[in-house]
Amino acid sequence: MDIAIKRVGKTLIVSLGGELDLATAGEVRDRVDSALLEDSRLHHLIWDLEKVGFIDSSGLGVLLGRYKKIQQRSGKVVALRATEPLRRMLRMAGMERIMQFADTEEQALAQIGGR
């Protein structure tokens, strides 16, 4: 699993590559939680899923758990650049109730109300 994390204002952008599954979920969870713990000014989370080919139930648990942390900060979560099959799977899992979808980073930042 490739994980790249950057901060843009009050937003944490997490770019993932590979499969978000049982084997990688713990590392993703720990890296994102550490970044959120380091900076209490981070209120929003953007998951860049362009290079993610598969998410299993463990991966969905990571997305849901980080949503709960962001919700405690009164923030929003956006799924960025998810492929159509991945979007369908996220929708079937009910994730559209907790996150928005965006095709560009600018669109994602606009959906959360700027930086």
PDB file of N, CA and C in Angstrom:
ATOM      1  N   MET A   1       0.856  -1.172   0.000  1.00  0.00           N
ATOM      2  CA  MET A   1       0.000   0.000   0.000  1.00  0.00           C
ATOM      3  C   MET A   1       0.897   1.228   0.000  1.00  0.00           C
ATOM      4  N   ASP A   2       0.693   2.082  -0.969  1.00  0.00           N
ATOM      5  CA  ASP A   2       1.369   3.376  -0.999  1.00  0.00           C
ATOM      6  C   ASP A   2       0.478   4.375  -0.281  1.00  0.00           C
ATOM      7  N   ILE A   3       1.074   5.157   0.621  1.00  0.00           N
ATOM      8  CA  ILE A   3       0.328   6.152   1.382  1.00  0.00           C
ATOM      9  C   ILE A   3       1.097   7.469   1.314  1.00  0.00           C
ATOM     10  N   ALA A   4       0.436   8.499   0.820  1.00  0.00           N
ATOM     11  CA  ALA A   4       1.020   9.843   0.804  1.00  0.00           C
ATOM     12  C   ALA A   4       0.047  10.766   1.519  1.00  0.00           C
ATOM     13  N   ILE A   5       0.579  11.548   2.452  1.00  0.00           N
ATOM     14  CA  ILE A   5      -0.268  12.430   3.250  1.00  0.00           C
ATOM     15  C   ILE A   5       0.228  13.858   3.101  1.00  0.00           C
ATOM     16  N   LYS A   6      -0.714  14.777   2.854  1.00  0.00           N
ATOM     17  CA  LYS A   6      -0.360  16.197   2.826  1.00  0.00           C
ATOM     18  C   LYS A   6      -1.452  16.995   3.499  1.00  0.00           C
ATOM     19  N   ARG A   7      -1.077  18.163   3.962  1.00  0.00           N
ATOM     20  CA  ARG A   7      -2.018  19.074   4.609  1.00  0.00           C
ATOM     21  C   ARG A   7      -2.231  20.279   3.710  1.00  0.00           C
ATOM     22  N   VAL A   8      -3.489  20.648   3.552  1.00  0.00           N
ATOM     23  CA  VAL A   8      -3.849  21.851   2.805  1.00  0.00           C
ATOM     24  C   VAL A   8      -4.796  22.629   3.709  1.00  0.00           C
ATOM     25  N   GLY A   9      -4.271  23.637   4.390  1.00  0.00           N
ATOM     26  CA  GLY A   9      -5.080  24.389   5.338  1.00  0.00           C
ATOM     27  C   GLY A   9      -5.582  23.476   6.440  1.00  0.00           C
ATOM     28  N   LYS A  10      -6.891  23.403   6.606  1.00  0.00           N
ATOM     29  CA  LYS A  10      -7.519  22.573   7.639  1.00  0.00           C
ATOM     30  C   LYS A  10      -7.879  21.183   7.139  1.00  0.00           C
ATOM     31  N   THR A  11      -7.307  20.802   5.988  1.00  0.00           N
ATOM     32  CA  THR A  11      -7.666  19.548   5.338  1.00  0.00           C
ATOM     33  C   THR A  11      -6.481  18.608   5.258  1.00  0.00           C
ATOM     34  N   LEU A  12      -6.720  17.351   5.578  1.00  0.00           N
ATOM     35  CA  LEU A  12      -5.736  16.294   5.409  1.00  0.00           C
ATOM     36  C   LEU A  12      -6.105  15.542   4.134  1.00  0.00           C
ATOM     37  N   ILE A  13      -5.159  15.457   3.202  1.00  0.00           N
ATOM     38  CA  ILE A  13      -5.392  14.726   1.961  1.00  0.00           C
ATOM     39  C   ILE A  13      -4.527  13.468   1.997  1.00  0.00           C
ATOM     40  N   VAL A  14      -5.192  12.324   1.920  1.00  0.00           N
ATOM     41  CA  VAL A  14      -4.522  11.027   1.996  1.00  0.00           C
ATOM     42  C   VAL A  14      -4.663  10.340   0.641  1.00  0.00           C
ATOM     43  N   SER A  15      -3.541  10.166  -0.047  1.00  0.00           N
ATOM     44  CA  SER A  15      -3.532   9.475  -1.338  1.00  0.00           C
ATOM     45  C   SER A  15      -3.086   8.040  -1.123  1.00  0.00           C
ATOM     46  N   LEU A  16      -3.900   7.121  -1.598  1.00  0.00           N
ATOM     47  CA  LEU A  16      -3.616   5.701  -1.420  1.00  0.00           C
ATOM     48  C   LEU A  16      -3.387   5.035  -2.770  1.00  0.00           C
ATOM     49  N   GLY A  17      -2.559   4.003  -2.762  1.00  0.00           N
ATOM     50  CA  GLY A  17      -2.328   3.222  -3.962  1.00  0.00           C
ATOM     51  C   GLY A  17      -2.229   1.758  -3.602  1.00  0.00           C
ATOM     52  N   GLY A  18      -2.958   0.917  -4.304  1.00  0.00           N
ATOM     53  CA  GLY A  18      -2.951  -0.514  -4.017  1.00  0.00           C
ATOM     54  C   GLY A  18      -4.308  -0.972  -3.537  1.00  0.00           C
ATOM     55  N   GLU A  19      -4.295  -1.956  -2.640  1.00  0.00           N
ATOM     56  CA  GLU A  19      -5.538  -2.498  -2.109  1.00  0.00           C
ATOM     57  C   GLU A  19      -5.674  -2.111  -0.641  1.00  0.00           C
ATOM     58  N   LEU A  20      -6.832  -1.575  -0.283  1.00  0.00           N
ATOM     59  CA  LEU A  20      -7.123  -1.237   1.112  1.00  0.00           C
ATOM     60  C   LEU A  20      -7.882  -2.427   1.691  1.00  0.00           C
ATOM     61  N   ASP A  21      -7.129  -3.343   2.307  1.00  0.00           N
ATOM     62  CA  ASP A  21      -7.714  -4.590   2.793  1.00  0.00           C
ATOM     63  C   ASP A  21      -7.137  -4.941   4.159  1.00  0.00           C
ATOM     64  N   LEU A  22      -7.412  -6.130   4.614  1.00  0.00           N
ATOM     65  CA  LEU A  22      -6.968  -6.566   5.938  1.00  0.00           C
ATOM     66  C   LEU A  22      -5.461  -6.393   6.119  1.00  0.00           C
ATOM     67  N   ALA A  23      -4.708  -6.649   5.070  1.00  0.00           N
ATOM     68  CA  ALA A  23      -3.248  -6.573   5.161  1.00  0.00           C
ATOM     69  C   ALA A  23      -2.725  -5.141   5.279  1.00  0.00           C
ATOM     70  N   THR A  24      -3.471  -4.163   4.791  1.00  0.00           N
ATOM     71  CA  THR A  24      -2.973  -2.779   4.754  1.00  0.00           C
ATOM     72  C   THR A  24      -3.771  -1.817   5.633  1.00  0.00           C
ATOM     73  N   ALA A  25      -4.940  -2.235   6.081  1.00  0.00           N
ATOM     74  CA  ALA A  25      -5.837  -1.327   6.814  1.00  0.00           C
ATOM     75  C   ALA A  25      -5.182  -0.760   8.073  1.00  0.00           C
ATOM     76  N   GLY A  26      -4.460  -1.576   8.811  1.00  0.00           N
ATOM     77  CA  GLY A  26      -3.840  -1.113  10.048  1.00  0.00           C
ATOM     78  C   GLY A  26      -2.833  -0.004   9.814  1.00  0.00           C
ATOM     79  N   GLU A  27      -2.012  -0.148   8.784  1.00  0.00           N
ATOM     80  CA  GLU A  27      -1.022   0.878   8.474  1.00  0.00           C
ATOM     81  C   GLU A  27      -1.697   2.192   8.075  1.00  0.00           C
ATOM     82  N   VAL A  28      -2.733   2.105   7.236  1.00  0.00           N
ATOM     83  CA  VAL A  28      -3.453   3.314   6.816  1.00  0.00           C
ATOM     84  C   VAL A  28      -4.089   3.983   8.036  1.00  0.00           C
ATOM     85  N   ARG A  29      -4.760   3.199   8.852  1.00  0.00           N
ATOM     86  CA  ARG A  29      -5.395   3.734  10.062  1.00  0.00           C
ATOM     87  C   ARG A  29      -4.372   4.434  10.946  1.00  0.00           C
ATOM     88  N   ASP A  30      -3.245   3.782  11.200  1.00  0.00           N
ATOM     89  CA  ASP A  30      -2.234   4.353  12.084  1.00  0.00           C
ATOM     90  C   ASP A  30      -1.630   5.635  11.525  1.00  0.00           C
ATOM     91  N   ARG A  31      -1.348   5.655  10.233  1.00  0.00           N
ATOM     92  CA  ARG A  31      -0.746   6.856   9.627  1.00  0.00           C
ATOM     93  C   ARG A  31      -1.707   8.037   9.664  1.00  0.00           C
ATOM     94  N   VAL A  32      -2.973   7.794   9.340  1.00  0.00           N
ATOM     95  CA  VAL A  32      -3.960   8.881   9.331  1.00  0.00           C
ATOM     96  C   VAL A  32      -4.229   9.350  10.759  1.00  0.00           C
ATOM     97  N   ASP A  33      -4.390   8.417  11.683  1.00  0.00           N
ATOM     98  CA  ASP A  33      -4.633   8.794  13.074  1.00  0.00           C
ATOM     99  C   ASP A  33      -3.469   9.610  13.636  1.00  0.00           C
ATOM    100  N   SER A  34      -2.238   9.238  13.299  1.00  0.00           N
ATOM    101  CA  SER A  34      -1.068   9.994  13.760  1.00  0.00           C
ATOM    102  C   SER A  34      -1.085  11.424  13.226  1.00  0.00           C
ATOM    103  N   ALA A  35      -1.415  11.567  11.946  1.00  0.00           N
ATOM    104  CA  ALA A  35      -1.471  12.910  11.353  1.00  0.00           C
ATOM    105  C   ALA A  35      -2.560  13.746  12.009  1.00  0.00           C
ATOM    106  N   LEU A  36      -3.709  13.143  12.288  1.00  0.00           N
ATOM    107  CA  LEU A  36      -4.800  13.876  12.935  1.00  0.00           C
ATOM    108  C   LEU A  36      -4.437  14.234  14.376  1.00  0.00           C
ATOM    109  N   LEU A  37      -3.733  13.356  15.047  1.00  0.00           N
ATOM    110  CA  LEU A  37      -3.321  13.604  16.423  1.00  0.00           C
ATOM    111  C   LEU A  37      -2.281  14.724  16.501  1.00  0.00           C
ATOM    112  N   GLU A  38      -1.412  14.785  15.504  1.00  0.00           N
ATOM    113  CA  GLU A  38      -0.363  15.802  15.460  1.00  0.00           C
ATOM    114  C   GLU A  38      -0.915  17.213  15.300  1.00  0.00           C
ATOM    115  N   ASP A  39      -2.041  17.349  14.619  1.00  0.00           N
ATOM    116  CA  ASP A  39      -2.536  18.681  14.275  1.00  0.00           C
ATOM    117  C   ASP A  39      -4.046  18.770  14.519  1.00  0.00           C
ATOM    118  N   SER A  40      -4.418  19.366  15.643  1.00  0.00           N
ATOM    119  CA  SER A  40      -5.840  19.485  15.990  1.00  0.00           C
ATOM    120  C   SER A  40      -6.567  20.485  15.091  1.00  0.00           C
ATOM    121  N   ARG A  41      -5.834  21.229  14.272  1.00  0.00           N
ATOM    122  CA  ARG A  41      -6.472  22.185  13.349  1.00  0.00           C
ATOM    123  C   ARG A  41      -7.013  21.514  12.100  1.00  0.00           C
ATOM    124  N   LEU A  42      -6.686  20.235  11.905  1.00  0.00           N
ATOM    125  CA  LEU A  42      -7.207  19.504  10.749  1.00  0.00           C
ATOM    126  C   LEU A  42      -8.653  19.118  11.019  1.00  0.00           C
ATOM    127  N   HIS A  43      -9.562  19.623  10.191  1.00  0.00           N
ATOM    128  CA  HIS A  43     -10.989  19.374  10.391  1.00  0.00           C
ATOM    129  C   HIS A  43     -11.608  18.526   9.285  1.00  0.00           C
ATOM    130  N   HIS A  44     -10.946  18.424   8.141  1.00  0.00           N
ATOM    131  CA  HIS A  44     -11.525  17.735   6.990  1.00  0.00           C
ATOM    132  C   HIS A  44     -10.560  16.668   6.487  1.00  0.00           C
ATOM    133  N   LEU A  45     -11.113  15.677   5.792  1.00  0.00           N
ATOM    134  CA  LEU A  45     -10.307  14.584   5.267  1.00  0.00           C
ATOM    135  C   LEU A  45     -10.729  14.289   3.837  1.00  0.00           C
ATOM    136  N   ILE A  46      -9.757  14.267   2.951  1.00  0.00           N
ATOM    137  CA  ILE A  46      -9.985  13.873   1.560  1.00  0.00           C
ATOM    138  C   ILE A  46      -9.197  12.593   1.313  1.00  0.00           C
ATOM    139  N   TRP A  47      -9.912  11.549   0.905  1.00  0.00           N
ATOM    140  CA  TRP A  47      -9.282  10.284   0.525  1.00  0.00           C
ATOM    141  C   TRP A  47      -9.093  10.297  -0.988  1.00  0.00           C
ATOM    142  N   ASP A  48      -7.866  10.354  -1.475  1.00  0.00           N
ATOM    143  CA  ASP A  48      -7.604  10.264  -2.916  1.00  0.00           C
ATOM    144  C   ASP A  48      -7.475   8.783  -3.259  1.00  0.00           C
ATOM    145  N   LEU A  49      -8.489   8.259  -3.925  1.00  0.00           N
ATOM    146  CA  LEU A  49      -8.598   6.823  -4.176  1.00  0.00           C
ATOM    147  C   LEU A  49      -8.310   6.451  -5.631  1.00  0.00           C
ATOM    148  N   GLU A  50      -7.708   7.363  -6.369  1.00  0.00           N
ATOM    149  CA  GLU A  50      -7.487   7.137  -7.797  1.00  0.00           C
ATOM    150  C   GLU A  50      -6.722   5.838  -8.068  1.00  0.00           C
ATOM    151  N   LYS A  51      -5.774   5.495  -7.224  1.00  0.00           N
ATOM    152  CA  LYS A  51      -4.927   4.325  -7.471  1.00  0.00           C
ATOM    153  C   LYS A  51      -5.287   3.127  -6.589  1.00  0.00           C
ATOM    154  N   VAL A  52      -6.498   3.158  -6.028  1.00  0.00           N
ATOM    155  CA  VAL A  52      -6.964   2.038  -5.206  1.00  0.00           C
ATOM    156  C   VAL A  52      -7.791   1.109  -6.085  1.00  0.00           C
ATOM    157  N   GLY A  53      -7.404  -0.155  -6.125  1.00  0.00           N
ATOM    158  CA  GLY A  53      -8.114  -1.116  -6.959  1.00  0.00           C
ATOM    159  C   GLY A  53      -9.172  -1.907  -6.230  1.00  0.00           C
ATOM    160  N   PHE A  54      -9.068  -1.958  -4.892  1.00  0.00           N
ATOM    161  CA  PHE A  54      -9.974  -2.820  -4.139  1.00  0.00           C
ATOM    162  C   PHE A  54     -10.038  -2.351  -2.693  1.00  0.00           C
ATOM    163  N   ILE A  55     -11.223  -2.420  -2.107  1.00  0.00           N
ATOM    164  CA  ILE A  55     -11.412  -2.141  -0.678  1.00  0.00           C
ATOM    165  C   ILE A  55     -12.279  -3.263  -0.111  1.00  0.00           C
ATOM    166  N   ASP A  56     -11.806  -3.917   0.958  1.00  0.00           N
ATOM    167  CA  ASP A  56     -12.622  -4.934   1.607  1.00  0.00           C
ATOM    168  C   ASP A  56     -13.259  -4.360   2.872  1.00  0.00           C
ATOM    169  N   SER A  57     -13.883  -5.210   3.666  1.00  0.00           N
ATOM    170  CA  SER A  57     -14.589  -4.730   4.857  1.00  0.00           C
ATOM    171  C   SER A  57     -13.636  -4.081   5.864  1.00  0.00           C
ATOM    172  N   SER A  58     -12.404  -4.555   5.946  1.00  0.00           N
ATOM    173  CA  SER A  58     -11.424  -3.928   6.838  1.00  0.00           C
ATOM    174  C   SER A  58     -11.119  -2.505   6.366  1.00  0.00           C
ATOM    175  N   GLY A  59     -10.994  -2.334   5.059  1.00  0.00           N
ATOM    176  CA  GLY A  59     -10.760  -1.010   4.492  1.00  0.00           C
ATOM    177  C   GLY A  59     -11.936  -0.079   4.717  1.00  0.00           C
ATOM    178  N   LEU A  60     -13.148  -0.613   4.551  1.00  0.00           N
ATOM    179  CA  LEU A  60     -14.343   0.195   4.830  1.00  0.00           C
ATOM    180  C   LEU A  60     -14.352   0.626   6.295  1.00  0.00           C
ATOM    181  N   GLY A  61     -13.903  -0.261   7.168  1.00  0.00           N
ATOM    182  CA  GLY A  61     -13.821   0.080   8.585  1.00  0.00           C
ATOM    183  C   GLY A  61     -12.867   1.227   8.843  1.00  0.00           C
ATOM    184  N   VAL A  62     -11.765   1.263   8.111  1.00  0.00           N
ATOM    185  CA  VAL A  62     -10.816   2.383   8.239  1.00  0.00           C
ATOM    186  C   VAL A  62     -11.487   3.685   7.796  1.00  0.00           C
ATOM    187  N   LEU A  63     -12.168   3.654   6.669  1.00  0.00           N
ATOM    188  CA  LEU A  63     -12.851   4.864   6.178  1.00  0.00           C
ATOM    189  C   LEU A  63     -13.898   5.326   7.189  1.00  0.00           C
ATOM    190  N   LEU A  64     -14.678   4.406   7.699  1.00  0.00           N
ATOM    191  CA  LEU A  64     -15.727   4.746   8.658  1.00  0.00           C
ATOM    192  C   LEU A  64     -15.138   5.281   9.960  1.00  0.00           C
ATOM    193  N   GLY A  65     -14.105   4.656  10.453  1.00  0.00           N
ATOM    194  CA  GLY A  65     -13.480   5.097  11.702  1.00  0.00           C
ATOM    195  C   GLY A  65     -12.885   6.488  11.597  1.00  0.00           C
ATOM    196  N   ARG A  66     -12.258   6.797  10.458  1.00  0.00           N
ATOM    197  CA  ARG A  66     -11.693   8.138  10.286  1.00  0.00           C
ATOM    198  C   ARG A  66     -12.818   9.163  10.106  1.00  0.00           C
ATOM    199  N   TYR A  67     -13.924   8.752   9.475  1.00  0.00           N
ATOM    200  CA  TYR A  67     -15.086   9.641   9.382  1.00  0.00           C
ATOM    201  C   TYR A  67     -15.544  10.042  10.779  1.00  0.00           C
ATOM    202  N   LYS A  68     -15.603   9.098  11.688  1.00  0.00           N
ATOM    203  CA  LYS A  68     -16.057   9.404  13.051  1.00  0.00           C
ATOM    204  C   LYS A  68     -15.125  10.402  13.727  1.00  0.00           C
ATOM    205  N   LYS A  69     -13.827  10.274  13.494  1.00  0.00           N
ATOM    206  CA  LYS A  69     -12.871  11.230  14.069  1.00  0.00           C
ATOM    207  C   LYS A  69     -13.066  12.629  13.465  1.00  0.00           C
ATOM    208  N   ILE A  70     -13.295  12.677  12.170  1.00  0.00           N
ATOM    209  CA  ILE A  70     -13.509  13.962  11.501  1.00  0.00           C
ATOM    210  C   ILE A  70     -14.839  14.570  11.933  1.00  0.00           C
ATOM    211  N   GLN A  71     -15.846  13.741  12.109  1.00  0.00           N
ATOM    212  CA  GLN A  71     -17.152  14.216  12.557  1.00  0.00           C
ATOM    213  C   GLN A  71     -17.039  14.880  13.933  1.00  0.00           C
ATOM    214  N   GLN A  72     -16.197  14.345  14.809  1.00  0.00           N
ATOM    215  CA  GLN A  72     -15.983  14.942  16.133  1.00  0.00           C
ATOM    216  C   GLN A  72     -15.368  16.338  16.023  1.00  0.00           C
ATOM    217  N   ARG A  73     -14.718  16.607  14.895  1.00  0.00           N
ATOM    218  CA  ARG A  73     -14.115  17.919  14.654  1.00  0.00           C
ATOM    219  C   ARG A  73     -15.033  18.802  13.808  1.00  0.00           C
ATOM    220  N   SER A  74     -16.266  18.350  13.609  1.00  0.00           N
ATOM    221  CA  SER A  74     -17.265  19.057  12.789  1.00  0.00           C
ATOM    222  C   SER A  74     -16.796  19.244  11.356  1.00  0.00           C
ATOM    223  N   GLY A  75     -16.070  18.256  10.852  1.00  0.00           N
ATOM    224  CA  GLY A  75     -15.534  18.340   9.497  1.00  0.00           C
ATOM    225  C   GLY A  75     -16.286  17.456   8.519  1.00  0.00           C
ATOM    226  N   LYS A  76     -15.760  17.424   7.300  1.00  0.00           N
ATOM    227  CA  LYS A  76     -16.356  16.651   6.213  1.00  0.00           C
ATOM    228  C   LYS A  76     -15.315  15.715   5.620  1.00  0.00           C
ATOM    229  N   VAL A  77     -15.807  14.648   4.978  1.00  0.00           N
ATOM    230  CA  VAL A  77     -14.953  13.674   4.314  1.00  0.00           C
ATOM    231  C   VAL A  77     -15.368  13.585   2.850  1.00  0.00           C
ATOM    232  N   VAL A  78     -14.361  13.546   1.964  1.00  0.00           N
ATOM    233  CA  VAL A  78     -14.608  13.451   0.526  1.00  0.00           C
ATOM    234  C   VAL A  78     -13.774  12.315  -0.043  1.00  0.00           C
ATOM    235  N   ALA A  79     -14.387  11.525  -0.913  1.00  0.00           N
ATOM    236  CA  ALA A  79     -13.671  10.506  -1.683  1.00  0.00           C
ATOM    237  C   ALA A  79     -13.320  11.126  -3.031  1.00  0.00           C
ATOM    238  N   LEU A  80     -12.040  11.210  -3.309  1.00  0.00           N
ATOM    239  CA  LEU A  80     -11.552  11.888  -4.514  1.00  0.00           C
ATOM    240  C   LEU A  80     -11.099  10.877  -5.553  1.00  0.00           C
ATOM    241  N   ARG A  81     -11.484  11.086  -6.782  1.00  0.00           N
ATOM    242  CA  ARG A  81     -11.019  10.336  -7.948  1.00  0.00           C
ATOM    243  C   ARG A  81     -11.223   8.825  -7.852  1.00  0.00           C
ATOM    244  N   ALA A  82     -12.257   8.387  -7.165  1.00  0.00           N
ATOM    245  CA  ALA A  82     -12.549   6.946  -7.109  1.00  0.00           C
ATOM    246  C   ALA A  82     -13.002   6.477  -8.486  1.00  0.00           C
ATOM    247  N   THR A  83     -12.501   5.336  -8.919  1.00  0.00           N
ATOM    248  CA  THR A  83     -12.937   4.792 -10.197  1.00  0.00           C
ATOM    249  C   THR A  83     -14.422   4.436 -10.098  1.00  0.00           C
ATOM    250  N   GLU A  84     -15.065   4.285 -11.226  1.00  0.00           N
ATOM    251  CA  GLU A  84     -16.502   3.986 -11.215  1.00  0.00           C
ATOM    252  C   GLU A  84     -16.816   2.673 -10.493  1.00  0.00           C
ATOM    253  N   PRO A  85     -16.066   1.593 -10.710  1.00  0.00           N
ATOM    254  CA  PRO A  85     -16.366   0.370  -9.941  1.00  0.00           C
ATOM    255  C   PRO A  85     -16.193   0.581  -8.423  1.00  0.00           C
ATOM    256  N   LEU A  86     -15.192   1.338  -8.036  1.00  0.00           N
ATOM    257  CA  LEU A  86     -14.977   1.596  -6.618  1.00  0.00           C
ATOM    258  C   LEU A  86     -16.092   2.478  -6.049  1.00  0.00           C
ATOM    259  N   ARG A  87     -16.521   3.467  -6.815  1.00  0.00           N
ATOM    260  CA  ARG A  87     -17.646   4.315  -6.383  1.00  0.00           C
ATOM    261  C   ARG A  87     -18.905   3.486  -6.170  1.00  0.00           C
ATOM    262  N   ARG A  88     -19.163   2.579  -7.102  1.00  0.00           N
ATOM    263  CA  ARG A  88     -20.345   1.710  -6.976  1.00  0.00           C
ATOM    264  C   ARG A  88     -20.282   0.897  -5.699  1.00  0.00           C
ATOM    265  N   MET A  89     -19.110   0.335  -5.415  1.00  0.00           N
ATOM    266  CA  MET A  89     -18.938  -0.470  -4.216  1.00  0.00           C
ATOM    267  C   MET A  89     -19.123   0.393  -2.964  1.00  0.00           C
ATOM    268  N   LEU A  90     -18.562   1.601  -2.960  1.00  0.00           N
ATOM    269  CA  LEU A  90     -18.718   2.497  -1.807  1.00  0.00           C
ATOM    270  C   LEU A  90     -20.183   2.882  -1.609  1.00  0.00           C
ATOM    271  N   ARG A  91     -20.883   3.116  -2.711  1.00  0.00           N
ATOM    272  CA  ARG A  91     -22.314   3.437  -2.616  1.00  0.00           C
ATOM    273  C   ARG A  91     -23.102   2.248  -2.082  1.00  0.00           C
ATOM    274  N   MET A  92     -22.793   1.053  -2.567  1.00  0.00           N
ATOM    275  CA  MET A  92     -23.503  -0.144  -2.093  1.00  0.00           C
ATOM    276  C   MET A  92     -23.249  -0.367  -0.605  1.00  0.00           C
ATOM    277  N   ALA A  93     -22.090   0.050  -0.131  1.00  0.00           N
ATOM    278  CA  ALA A  93     -21.760  -0.078   1.291  1.00  0.00           C
ATOM    279  C   ALA A  93     -22.358   1.059   2.120  1.00  0.00           C
ATOM    280  N   GLY A  94     -23.042   1.996   1.453  1.00  0.00           N
ATOM    281  CA  GLY A  94     -23.686   3.097   2.165  1.00  0.00           C
ATOM    282  C   GLY A  94     -22.764   4.249   2.506  1.00  0.00           C
ATOM    283  N   MET A  95     -21.581   4.286   1.913  1.00  0.00           N
ATOM    284  CA  MET A  95     -20.599   5.313   2.255  1.00  0.00           C
ATOM    285  C   MET A  95     -20.982   6.704   1.745  1.00  0.00           C
ATOM    286  N   GLU A  96     -21.900   6.778   0.774  1.00  0.00           N
ATOM    287  CA  GLU A  96     -22.295   8.104   0.282  1.00  0.00           C
ATOM    288  C   GLU A  96     -23.052   8.887   1.349  1.00  0.00           C
ATOM    289  N   ARG A  97     -23.489   8.211   2.405  1.00  0.00           N
ATOM    290  CA  ARG A  97     -24.155   8.917   3.504  1.00  0.00           C
ATOM    291  C   ARG A  97     -23.157   9.645   4.394  1.00  0.00           C
ATOM    292  N   ILE A  98     -21.897   9.229   4.351  1.00  0.00           N
ATOM    293  CA  ILE A  98     -20.902   9.855   5.233  1.00  0.00           C
ATOM    294  C   ILE A  98     -19.828  10.616   4.469  1.00  0.00           C
ATOM    295  N   MET A  99     -19.787  10.468   3.159  1.00  0.00           N
ATOM    296  CA  MET A  99     -18.784  11.192   2.384  1.00  0.00           C
ATOM    297  C   MET A  99     -19.350  11.614   1.041  1.00  0.00           C
ATOM    298  N   GLN A 100     -18.773  12.682   0.537  1.00  0.00           N
ATOM    299  CA  GLN A 100     -19.120  13.152  -0.792  1.00  0.00           C
ATOM    300  C   GLN A 100     -18.103  12.590  -1.776  1.00  0.00           C
ATOM    301  N   PHE A 101     -18.395  12.711  -3.060  1.00  0.00           N
ATOM    302  CA  PHE A 101     -17.483  12.251  -4.101  1.00  0.00           C
ATOM    303  C   PHE A 101     -17.063  13.443  -4.941  1.00  0.00           C
ATOM    304  N   ALA A 102     -15.792  13.454  -5.373  1.00  0.00           N
ATOM    305  CA  ALA A 102     -15.280  14.536  -6.203  1.00  0.00           C
ATOM    306  C   ALA A 102     -14.318  13.962  -7.242  1.00  0.00           C
ATOM    307  N   ASP A 103     -14.208  14.671  -8.361  1.00  0.00           N
ATOM    308  CA  ASP A 103     -13.333  14.224  -9.443  1.00  0.00           C
ATOM    309  C   ASP A 103     -12.002  14.963  -9.485  1.00  0.00           C
ATOM    310  N   THR A 104     -11.930  16.139  -8.837  1.00  0.00           N
ATOM    311  CA  THR A 104     -10.682  16.902  -8.806  1.00  0.00           C
ATOM    312  C   THR A 104     -10.431  17.386  -7.380  1.00  0.00           C
ATOM    313  N   GLU A 105      -9.179  17.648  -7.082  1.00  0.00           N
ATOM    314  CA  GLU A 105      -8.847  18.147  -5.749  1.00  0.00           C
ATOM    315  C   GLU A 105      -9.524  19.492  -5.488  1.00  0.00           C
ATOM    316  N   GLU A 106      -9.588  20.336  -6.498  1.00  0.00           N
ATOM    317  CA  GLU A 106     -10.246  21.635  -6.348  1.00  0.00           C
ATOM    318  C   GLU A 106     -11.720  21.464  -6.016  1.00  0.00           C
ATOM    319  N   GLN A 107     -12.374  20.529  -6.691  1.00  0.00           N
ATOM    320  CA  GLN A 107     -13.790  20.243  -6.423  1.00  0.00           C
ATOM    321  C   GLN A 107     -13.957  19.715  -4.997  1.00  0.00           C
ATOM    322  N   ALA A 108     -13.056  18.843  -4.574  1.00  0.00           N
ATOM    323  CA  ALA A 108     -13.135  18.288  -3.222  1.00  0.00           C
ATOM    324  C   ALA A 108     -12.973  19.393  -2.178  1.00  0.00           C
ATOM    325  N   LEU A 109     -12.012  20.265  -2.378  1.00  0.00           N
ATOM    326  CA  LEU A 109     -11.800  21.369  -1.439  1.00  0.00           C
ATOM    327  C   LEU A 109     -13.007  22.298  -1.422  1.00  0.00           C
ATOM    328  N   ALA A 110     -13.614  22.527  -2.562  1.00  0.00           N
ATOM    329  CA  ALA A 110     -14.807  23.381  -2.617  1.00  0.00           C
ATOM    330  C   ALA A 110     -15.963  22.729  -1.869  1.00  0.00           C
ATOM    331  N   GLN A 111     -16.080  21.400  -1.950  1.00  0.00           N
ATOM    332  CA  GLN A 111     -17.184  20.714  -1.269  1.00  0.00           C
ATOM    333  C   GLN A 111     -17.079  20.784   0.254  1.00  0.00           C
ATOM    334  N   ILE A 112     -15.872  20.922   0.756  1.00  0.00           N
ATOM    335  CA  ILE A 112     -15.722  21.012   2.200  1.00  0.00           C
ATOM    336  C   ILE A 112     -15.701  22.458   2.682  1.00  0.00           C
ATOM    337  N   GLY A 113     -15.862  23.376   1.731  1.00  0.00           N
ATOM    338  CA  GLY A 113     -15.931  24.788   2.103  1.00  0.00           C
ATOM    339  C   GLY A 113     -14.589  25.491   2.049  1.00  0.00           C
ATOM    340  N   GLY A 114     -13.755  25.080   1.119  1.00  0.00           N
ATOM    341  CA  GLY A 114     -12.441  25.716   0.988  1.00  0.00           C
ATOM    342  C   GLY A 114     -11.399  24.956   1.761  1.00  0.00           C
ATOM    343  N   ARG A 115     -10.308  25.621   1.990  1.00  0.00           N
ATOM    344  CA  ARG A 115      -9.165  24.991   2.635  1.00  0.00           C
ATOM    345  C   ARG A 115      -9.346  25.008   4.116  1.00  0.00           C
TER     346      ARG A 115
END
